[in-house]
PDB file of N, CA and C in Angstrom:
ATOM      1  N   MET A   1     199.023 106.706 110.085  1.00  0.00           N
ATOM      2  CA  MET A   1     199.198 105.355 109.480  1.00  0.00           C
ATOM      3  C   MET A   1     199.292 104.575 110.488  1.00  0.00           C
ATOM      4  N   GLU A   2     198.758 102.907 110.649  1.00  0.00           N
ATOM      5  CA  GLU A   2     198.862 102.363 111.184  1.00  0.00           C
ATOM      6  C   GLU A   2     200.273 101.534 110.770  1.00  0.00           C
ATOM      7  N   THR A   3     201.081 100.911 112.243  1.00  0.00           N
ATOM      8  CA  THR A   3     202.401 100.374 112.067  1.00  0.00           C
ATOM      9  C   THR A   3     202.385  98.776 112.378  1.00  0.00           C
ATOM     10  N   LEU A   4     202.589  97.836 111.509  1.00  0.00           N
ATOM     11  CA  LEU A   4     202.781  96.357 112.476  1.00  0.00           C
ATOM     12  C   LEU A   4     203.956  95.992 112.526  1.00  0.00           C
ATOM     13  N   LYS A   5     204.525  95.200 113.313  1.00  0.00           N
ATOM     14  CA  LYS A   5     205.461  94.831 113.717  1.00  0.00           C
ATOM     15  C   LYS A   5     205.477  93.482 113.659  1.00  0.00           C
ATOM     16  N   VAL A   6     205.776  92.809 112.676  1.00  0.00           N
ATOM     17  CA  VAL A   6     206.053  91.083 112.723  1.00  0.00           C
ATOM     18  C   VAL A   6     207.087  90.735 112.742  1.00  0.00           C
ATOM     19  N   SER A   7     207.325  89.491 113.714  1.00  0.00           N
ATOM     20  CA  SER A   7     208.099  88.767 114.163  1.00  0.00           C
ATOM     21  C   SER A   7     208.739  87.498 113.351  1.00  0.00           C
ATOM     22  N   SER A   8     209.165  86.936 113.442  1.00  0.00           N
ATOM     23  CA  SER A   8     209.815  85.164 112.497  1.00  0.00           C
ATOM     24  C   SER A   8     208.563  84.228 113.588  1.00  0.00           C
ATOM     25  N   LYS A   9     208.274  84.770 114.901  1.00  0.00           N
ATOM     26  CA  LYS A   9     207.431  83.872 115.325  1.00  0.00           C
ATOM     27  C   LYS A   9     205.724  84.166 115.395  1.00  0.00           C
ATOM     28  N   SER A  10     205.561  85.472 114.168  1.00  0.00           N
ATOM     29  CA  SER A  10     204.393  85.362 113.828  1.00  0.00           C
ATOM     30  C   SER A  10     203.504  84.581 112.817  1.00  0.00           C
ATOM     31  N   ASN A  11     201.952  84.971 113.905  1.00  0.00           N
ATOM     32  CA  ASN A  11     201.151  83.714 112.716  1.00  0.00           C
ATOM     33  C   ASN A  11     200.725  84.556 111.768  1.00  0.00           C
ATOM     34  N   PRO A  12     201.139  84.251 110.652  1.00  0.00           N
ATOM     35  CA  PRO A  12     200.799  84.988 108.959  1.00  0.00           C
ATOM     36  C   PRO A  12     199.115  85.285 109.255  1.00  0.00           C
ATOM     37  N   ASN A  13     198.315  84.194 109.500  1.00  0.00           N
ATOM     38  CA  ASN A  13     196.768  84.784 109.714  1.00  0.00           C
ATOM     39  C   ASN A  13     196.191  85.338 110.199  1.00  0.00           C
ATOM     40  N   LYS A  14     197.085  85.673 111.566  1.00  0.00           N
ATOM     41  CA  LYS A  14     196.506  86.268 112.422  1.00  0.00           C
ATOM     42  C   LYS A  14     197.061  87.656 111.899  1.00  0.00           C
ATOM     43  N   VAL A  15     198.131  87.978 111.290  1.00  0.00           N
ATOM     44  CA  VAL A  15     198.898  89.025 110.865  1.00  0.00           C
ATOM     45  C   VAL A  15     197.824  89.381 109.790  1.00  0.00           C
ATOM     46  N   ALA A  16     197.938  88.671 108.624  1.00  0.00           N
ATOM     47  CA  ALA A  16     196.756  88.943 107.665  1.00  0.00           C
ATOM     48  C   ALA A  16     195.298  89.534 108.513  1.00  0.00           C
ATOM     49  N   GLY A  17     194.941  89.241 109.153  1.00  0.00           N
ATOM     50  CA  GLY A  17     193.389  89.399 109.795  1.00  0.00           C
ATOM     51  C   GLY A  17     193.697  91.200 110.210  1.00  0.00           C
ATOM     52  N   ALA A  18     195.084  91.200 110.597  1.00  0.00           N
ATOM     53  CA  ALA A  18     195.308  92.601 111.100  1.00  0.00           C
ATOM     54  C   ALA A  18     195.550  93.194 110.077  1.00  0.00           C
ATOM     55  N   ILE A  19     196.393  93.313 108.930  1.00  0.00           N
ATOM     56  CA  ILE A  19     196.550  93.928 107.802  1.00  0.00           C
ATOM     57  C   ILE A  19     194.729  94.266 107.196  1.00  0.00           C
ATOM     58  N   VAL A  20     193.861  93.446 107.113  1.00  0.00           N
ATOM     59  CA  VAL A  20     192.536  93.572 106.312  1.00  0.00           C
ATOM     60  C   VAL A  20     191.549  94.808 107.437  1.00  0.00           C
ATOM     61  N   GLY A  21     191.876  94.478 108.601  1.00  0.00           N
ATOM     62  CA  GLY A  21     190.451  95.288 109.547  1.00  0.00           C
ATOM     63  C   GLY A  21     191.504  96.780 109.226  1.00  0.00           C
ATOM     64  N   SER A  22     192.915  96.805 109.797  1.00  0.00           N
ATOM     65  CA  SER A  22     193.726  98.128 109.079  1.00  0.00           C
ATOM     66  C   SER A  22     193.510  98.718 107.755  1.00  0.00           C
ATOM     67  N   LEU A  23     193.637  98.255 106.860  1.00  0.00           N
ATOM     68  CA  LEU A  23     192.987  98.511 105.409  1.00  0.00           C
ATOM     69  C   LEU A  23     191.937  98.905 105.362  1.00  0.00           C
ATOM     70  N   ASN A  24     190.602  98.122 106.087  1.00  0.00           N
ATOM     71  CA  ASN A  24     189.049  98.636 106.143  1.00  0.00           C
ATOM     72  C   ASN A  24     189.204 100.046 106.513  1.00  0.00           C
ATOM     73  N   LYS A  25     189.998 100.297 107.712  1.00  0.00           N
ATOM     74  CA  LYS A  25     190.018 101.380 108.398  1.00  0.00           C
ATOM     75  C   LYS A  25     190.647 102.884 107.740  1.00  0.00           C
ATOM     76  N   ASN A  26     192.068 102.769 107.498  1.00  0.00           N
ATOM     77  CA  ASN A  26     192.148 103.608 106.457  1.00  0.00           C
ATOM     78  C   ASN A  26     193.476 103.835 105.617  1.00  0.00           C
ATOM     79  N   GLU A  27     192.776 102.188 104.993  1.00  0.00           N
ATOM     80  CA  GLU A  27     193.548 102.145 103.381  1.00  0.00           C
ATOM     81  C   GLU A  27     194.589 102.481 103.272  1.00  0.00           C
ATOM     82  N   LYS A  28     195.496 102.224 104.046  1.00  0.00           N
ATOM     83  CA  LYS A  28     196.886 102.276 103.860  1.00  0.00           C
ATOM     84  C   LYS A  28     197.660 102.164 105.560  1.00  0.00           C
ATOM     85  N   LEU A  29     199.017 101.016 105.271  1.00  0.00           N
ATOM     86  CA  LEU A  29     199.327 101.087 106.594  1.00  0.00           C
ATOM     87  C   LEU A  29     201.504 100.614 106.143  1.00  0.00           C
ATOM     88  N   GLU A  30     201.843 100.439 107.637  1.00  0.00           N
ATOM     89  CA  GLU A  30     202.779  99.945 107.479  1.00  0.00           C
ATOM     90  C   GLU A  30     203.305  98.725 108.100  1.00  0.00           C
ATOM     91  N   ILE A  31     204.006  97.515 107.667  1.00  0.00           N
ATOM     92  CA  ILE A  31     204.623  96.812 107.940  1.00  0.00           C
ATOM     93  C   ILE A  31     206.148  96.381 108.238  1.00  0.00           C
ATOM     94  N   GLN A  32     206.469  96.349 109.518  1.00  0.00           N
ATOM     95  CA  GLN A  32     208.034  96.149 109.774  1.00  0.00           C
ATOM     96  C   GLN A  32     208.385  94.981 110.130  1.00  0.00           C
ATOM     97  N   ALA A  33     209.640  94.705 109.339  1.00  0.00           N
ATOM     98  CA  ALA A  33     209.869  93.306 109.661  1.00  0.00           C
ATOM     99  C   ALA A  33     211.576  92.932 109.805  1.00  0.00           C
ATOM    100  N   ILE A  34     212.381  92.591 110.525  1.00  0.00           N
ATOM    101  CA  ILE A  34     213.588  92.943 110.970  1.00  0.00           C
ATOM    102  C   ILE A  34     214.104  91.193 111.030  1.00  0.00           C
ATOM    103  N   GLY A  35     214.392  90.541 110.311  1.00  0.00           N
ATOM    104  CA  GLY A  35     214.933  89.826 110.119  1.00  0.00           C
ATOM    105  C   GLY A  35     214.770  88.830 108.873  1.00  0.00           C
ATOM    106  N   ALA A  36     215.168  87.371 108.336  1.00  0.00           N
ATOM    107  CA  ALA A  36     215.169  87.084 107.567  1.00  0.00           C
ATOM    108  C   ALA A  36     213.180  86.091 107.696  1.00  0.00           C
ATOM    109  N   GLY A  37     213.574  85.930 108.786  1.00  0.00           N
ATOM    110  CA  GLY A  37     211.719  84.580 109.229  1.00  0.00           C
ATOM    111  C   GLY A  37     210.768  85.927 109.558  1.00  0.00           C
ATOM    112  N   ALA A  38     211.378  86.854 109.687  1.00  0.00           N
ATOM    113  CA  ALA A  38     210.126  88.062 109.987  1.00  0.00           C
ATOM    114  C   ALA A  38     210.003  88.783 108.877  1.00  0.00           C
ATOM    115  N   VAL A  39     210.525  88.579 107.988  1.00  0.00           N
ATOM    116  CA  VAL A  39     210.324  89.376 106.243  1.00  0.00           C
ATOM    117  C   VAL A  39     209.270  88.378 105.522  1.00  0.00           C
ATOM    118  N   ASN A  40     209.695  86.756 106.011  1.00  0.00           N
ATOM    119  CA  ASN A  40     208.857  85.834 105.463  1.00  0.00           C
ATOM    120  C   ASN A  40     207.839  85.488 105.618  1.00  0.00           C
ATOM    121  N   GLN A  41     207.233  85.838 107.220  1.00  0.00           N
ATOM    122  CA  GLN A  41     206.022  85.586 107.479  1.00  0.00           C
ATOM    123  C   GLN A  41     205.258  86.976 107.136  1.00  0.00           C
ATOM    124  N   ALA A  42     205.985  88.235 107.103  1.00  0.00           N
ATOM    125  CA  ALA A  42     205.056  89.052 106.675  1.00  0.00           C
ATOM    126  C   ALA A  42     204.499  89.192 105.029  1.00  0.00           C
ATOM    127  N   SER A  43     205.665  88.124 104.311  1.00  0.00           N
ATOM    128  CA  SER A  43     205.022  88.074 103.222  1.00  0.00           C
ATOM    129  C   SER A  43     203.930  87.337 102.797  1.00  0.00           C
ATOM    130  N   LYS A  44     204.301  86.216 103.820  1.00  0.00           N
ATOM    131  CA  LYS A  44     203.051  85.415 103.823  1.00  0.00           C
ATOM    132  C   LYS A  44     201.958  86.135 104.112  1.00  0.00           C
ATOM    133  N   ALA A  45     201.940  86.716 104.921  1.00  0.00           N
ATOM    134  CA  ALA A  45     200.426  87.195 105.403  1.00  0.00           C
ATOM    135  C   ALA A  45     199.852  88.056 104.205  1.00  0.00           C
ATOM    136  N   LEU A  46     201.113  88.998 103.834  1.00  0.00           N
ATOM    137  CA  LEU A  46     200.388  89.712 102.541  1.00  0.00           C
ATOM    138  C   LEU A  46     199.433  88.848 101.626  1.00  0.00           C
ATOM    139  N   ALA A  47     199.915  87.668 101.379  1.00  0.00           N
ATOM    140  CA  ALA A  47     199.365  87.008 100.483  1.00  0.00           C
ATOM    141  C   ALA A  47     198.099  86.492 101.170  1.00  0.00           C
ATOM    142  N   VAL A  48     197.839  86.174 102.450  1.00  0.00           N
ATOM    143  CA  VAL A  48     196.972  85.907 102.536  1.00  0.00           C
ATOM    144  C   VAL A  48     195.711  86.946 102.749  1.00  0.00           C
ATOM    145  N   ALA A  49     196.508  88.135 103.070  1.00  0.00           N
ATOM    146  CA  ALA A  49     195.507  89.190 102.883  1.00  0.00           C
ATOM    147  C   ALA A  49     195.128  89.474 101.600  1.00  0.00           C
ATOM    148  N   ARG A  50     195.582  89.390 100.700  1.00  0.00           N
ATOM    149  CA  ARG A  50     195.051  89.330  99.501  1.00  0.00           C
ATOM    150  C   ARG A  50     193.765  88.532  99.363  1.00  0.00           C
ATOM    151  N   ARG A  51     194.298  87.073  99.635  1.00  0.00           N
ATOM    152  CA  ARG A  51     192.611  86.432  99.784  1.00  0.00           C
ATOM    153  C   ARG A  51     191.495  86.849 100.632  1.00  0.00           C
ATOM    154  N   PHE A  52     191.921  86.910 101.586  1.00  0.00           N
ATOM    155  CA  PHE A  52     190.501  87.942 102.452  1.00  0.00           C
ATOM    156  C   PHE A  52     190.159  88.917 101.934  1.00  0.00           C
ATOM    157  N   LEU A  53     190.790  90.071 100.869  1.00  0.00           N
ATOM    158  CA  LEU A  53     189.821  90.949 100.247  1.00  0.00           C
ATOM    159  C   LEU A  53     189.648  90.694  98.771  1.00  0.00           C
ATOM    160  N   SER A  54     190.269  89.561  98.473  1.00  0.00           N
ATOM    161  CA  SER A  54     189.813  89.211  96.966  1.00  0.00           C
ATOM    162  C   SER A  54     187.901  89.029  97.079  1.00  0.00           C
ATOM    163  N   GLU A  55     187.497  88.216  98.367  1.00  0.00           N
ATOM    164  CA  GLU A  55     186.450  88.063  98.609  1.00  0.00           C
ATOM    165  C   GLU A  55     185.622  89.285  98.456  1.00  0.00           C
ATOM    166  N   GLU A  56     185.854  90.605  99.013  1.00  0.00           N
ATOM    167  CA  GLU A  56     185.644  91.491  98.839  1.00  0.00           C
ATOM    168  C   GLU A  56     185.691  92.655  97.785  1.00  0.00           C
ATOM    169  N   GLY A  57     185.733  91.769  96.761  1.00  0.00           N
ATOM    170  CA  GLY A  57     186.293  92.650  95.511  1.00  0.00           C
ATOM    171  C   GLY A  57     187.102  93.472  95.978  1.00  0.00           C
ATOM    172  N   LYS A  58     188.023  93.546  96.134  1.00  0.00           N
ATOM    173  CA  LYS A  58     189.687  94.453  97.013  1.00  0.00           C
ATOM    174  C   LYS A  58     190.602  93.485  96.878  1.00  0.00           C
ATOM    175  N   ASP A  59     191.454  94.583  96.835  1.00  0.00           N
ATOM    176  CA  ASP A  59     193.310  94.398  96.786  1.00  0.00           C
ATOM    177  C   ASP A  59     193.753  94.725  97.608  1.00  0.00           C
ATOM    178  N   LEU A  60     195.330  94.665  97.394  1.00  0.00           N
ATOM    179  CA  LEU A  60     196.107  95.877  98.183  1.00  0.00           C
ATOM    180  C   LEU A  60     197.530  95.711  97.313  1.00  0.00           C
ATOM    181  N   TYR A  61     198.014  96.059  97.343  1.00  0.00           N
ATOM    182  CA  TYR A  61     199.659  96.597  96.851  1.00  0.00           C
ATOM    183  C   TYR A  61     200.561  96.509  97.814  1.00  0.00           C
ATOM    184  N   ALA A  62     201.869  96.480  97.931  1.00  0.00           N
ATOM    185  CA  ALA A  62     202.888  96.926  99.030  1.00  0.00           C
ATOM    186  C   ALA A  62     204.257  97.388  98.317  1.00  0.00           C
ATOM    187  N   VAL A  63     204.879  98.304  98.686  1.00  0.00           N
ATOM    188  CA  VAL A  63     205.623  99.092  98.157  1.00  0.00           C
ATOM    189  C   VAL A  63     206.908  98.682  99.324  1.00  0.00           C
ATOM    190  N   PRO A  64     207.548  97.910  99.023  1.00  0.00           N
ATOM    191  CA  PRO A  64     209.063  97.517 100.126  1.00  0.00           C
ATOM    192  C   PRO A  64     209.960  98.568  99.997  1.00  0.00           C
ATOM    193  N   GLY A  65     210.643  98.560 101.012  1.00  0.00           N
ATOM    194  CA  GLY A  65     211.700  99.803 101.319  1.00  0.00           C
ATOM    195  C   GLY A  65     212.662  99.408 102.582  1.00  0.00           C
ATOM    196  N   PHE A  66     213.776 100.184 102.963  1.00  0.00           N
ATOM    197  CA  PHE A  66     214.223  99.649 103.999  1.00  0.00           C
ATOM    198  C   PHE A  66     214.246 100.669 105.406  1.00  0.00           C
ATOM    199  N   ILE A  67     214.509 100.015 106.650  1.00  0.00           N
ATOM    200  CA  ILE A  67     214.118 100.838 107.455  1.00  0.00           C
ATOM    201  C   ILE A  67     215.356 100.562 108.429  1.00  0.00           C
ATOM    202  N   GLU A  68     215.855 101.683 109.632  1.00  0.00           N
ATOM    203  CA  GLU A  68     216.655 101.714 110.591  1.00  0.00           C
ATOM    204  C   GLU A  68     216.311 101.640 111.708  1.00  0.00           C
ATOM    205  N   VAL A  69     216.079 100.346 112.830  1.00  0.00           N
ATOM    206  CA  VAL A  69     215.674 100.778 113.926  1.00  0.00           C
ATOM    207  C   VAL A  69     216.542 100.399 115.728  1.00  0.00           C
ATOM    208  N   GLU A  70     216.717 101.104 116.176  1.00  0.00           N
ATOM    209  CA  GLU A  70     217.549 101.083 117.125  1.00  0.00           C
ATOM    210  C   GLU A  70     216.677  99.903 118.258  1.00  0.00           C
ATOM    211  N   ILE A  71     217.577  98.532 118.402  1.00  0.00           N
ATOM    212  CA  ILE A  71     217.515  97.849 119.242  1.00  0.00           C
ATOM    213  C   ILE A  71     218.030  97.544 120.518  1.00  0.00           C
ATOM    214  N   ASP A  72     218.168  97.735 121.619  1.00  0.00           N
ATOM    215  CA  ASP A  72     219.028  97.323 122.649  1.00  0.00           C
ATOM    216  C   ASP A  72     220.631  98.607 122.210  1.00  0.00           C
ATOM    217  N   GLY A  73     220.483  99.222 121.826  1.00  0.00           N
ATOM    218  CA  GLY A  73     221.327 100.548 121.618  1.00  0.00           C
ATOM    219  C   GLY A  73     222.035 100.087 120.376  1.00  0.00           C
ATOM    220  N   GLU A  74     221.473  98.906 119.329  1.00  0.00           N
ATOM    221  CA  GLU A  74     222.384  98.861 118.022  1.00  0.00           C
ATOM    222  C   GLU A  74     220.994  99.341 116.820  1.00  0.00           C
ATOM    223  N   THR A  75     221.976  99.488 116.062  1.00  0.00           N
ATOM    224  CA  THR A  75     220.951 100.027 114.258  1.00  0.00           C
ATOM    225  C   THR A  75     221.057  99.154 114.082  1.00  0.00           C
ATOM    226  N   ARG A  76     219.754  98.323 113.480  1.00  0.00           N
ATOM    227  CA  ARG A  76     219.512  97.637 112.670  1.00  0.00           C
ATOM    228  C   ARG A  76     218.761  97.595 111.156  1.00  0.00           C
ATOM    229  N   THR A  77     219.153  96.938 110.594  1.00  0.00           N
ATOM    230  CA  THR A  77     217.937  97.371 109.060  1.00  0.00           C
ATOM    231  C   THR A  77     217.356  96.012 108.735  1.00  0.00           C
ATOM    232  N   GLY A  78     216.200  96.872 108.600  1.00  0.00           N
ATOM    233  CA  GLY A  78     215.185  95.708 108.574  1.00  0.00           C
ATOM    234  C   GLY A  78     214.136  96.399 107.364  1.00  0.00           C
ATOM    235  N   ILE A  79     213.045  95.773 106.815  1.00  0.00           N
ATOM    236  CA  ILE A  79     212.219  95.919 105.648  1.00  0.00           C
ATOM    237  C   ILE A  79     210.861  96.672 106.067  1.00  0.00           C
ATOM    238  N   SER A  80     210.379  97.328 105.683  1.00  0.00           N
ATOM    239  CA  SER A  80     209.185  97.813 105.347  1.00  0.00           C
ATOM    240  C   SER A  80     208.462  97.614 104.472  1.00  0.00           C
ATOM    241  N   PHE A  81     207.053  97.830 104.467  1.00  0.00           N
ATOM    242  CA  PHE A  81     205.613  97.307 103.451  1.00  0.00           C
ATOM    243  C   PHE A  81     204.856  98.730 103.615  1.00  0.00           C
ATOM    244  N   LYS A  82     205.144  99.418 102.757  1.00  0.00           N
ATOM    245  CA  LYS A  82     204.189 100.132 102.913  1.00  0.00           C
ATOM    246  C   LYS A  82     202.814  99.432 101.916  1.00  0.00           C
ATOM    247  N   VAL A  83     201.512  99.449 102.576  1.00  0.00           N
ATOM    248  CA  VAL A  83     200.911  98.726 101.760  1.00  0.00           C
ATOM    249  C   VAL A  83     199.130  99.459 101.935  1.00  0.00           C
ATOM    250  N   TYR A  84     198.859  99.766 100.763  1.00  0.00           N
ATOM    251  CA  TYR A  84     197.459 100.442 100.271  1.00  0.00           C
ATOM    252  C   TYR A  84     196.545  99.579  99.767  1.00  0.00           C
ATOM    253  N   LEU A  85     195.188  99.727 100.348  1.00  0.00           N
ATOM    254  CA  LEU A  85     193.874  98.945  99.625  1.00  0.00           C
ATOM    255  C   LEU A  85     193.782  99.618  98.656  1.00  0.00           C
ATOM    256  N   THR A  86     193.295  98.766  97.623  1.00  0.00           N
ATOM    257  CA  THR A  86     192.429  99.290  96.187  1.00  0.00           C
ATOM    258  C   THR A  86     191.801  98.337  95.614  1.00  0.00           C
ATOM    259  N   LYS A  87     190.893  98.944  94.735  1.00  0.00           N
ATOM    260  CA  LYS A  87     189.861  97.475  94.193  1.00  0.00           C
ATOM    261  C   LYS A  87     190.434  96.665  93.399  1.00  0.00           C
ATOM    262  N   LYS A  88     189.871  95.656  93.403  1.00  0.00           N
ATOM    263  CA  LYS A  88     190.102  94.336  92.641  1.00  0.00           C
ATOM    264  C   LYS A  88     190.201  94.979  90.994  1.00  0.00           C
ATOM    265  N   ALA A  89     191.696  94.555  90.430  1.00  0.00           N
ATOM    266  CA  ALA A  89     191.650  94.596  88.820  1.00  0.00           C
ATOM    267  C   ALA A  89     190.499  93.495  88.118  1.00  0.00           C
ATOM    268  N   GLU A  90     189.900  94.015  87.000  1.00  0.00           N
ATOM    269  CA  GLU A  90     189.407  92.628  86.753  1.00  0.00           C
ATOM    270  C   GLU A  90     189.738  92.106  85.592  1.00  0.00           C
TER     271      GLU A  90
END
């Protein structure tokens, strides 16, 4: 499963493109975000990715959860979105 790391400075449209590209290859991926700004950008990217996929008759669903990541010797808690490709609901 591919892992995308999103920061507060990530462009949601570019992340959405990466989400769609990854889902078209693997049908699942993980997005990791640490901090409120990063979670905000990841959420926006998921919304944009849904719009892109909708044009292809596809959809996605995301399952959020907590992760712990070590940064500079410090353990930080973040949010992980497990993202799965599905068919668009009629």
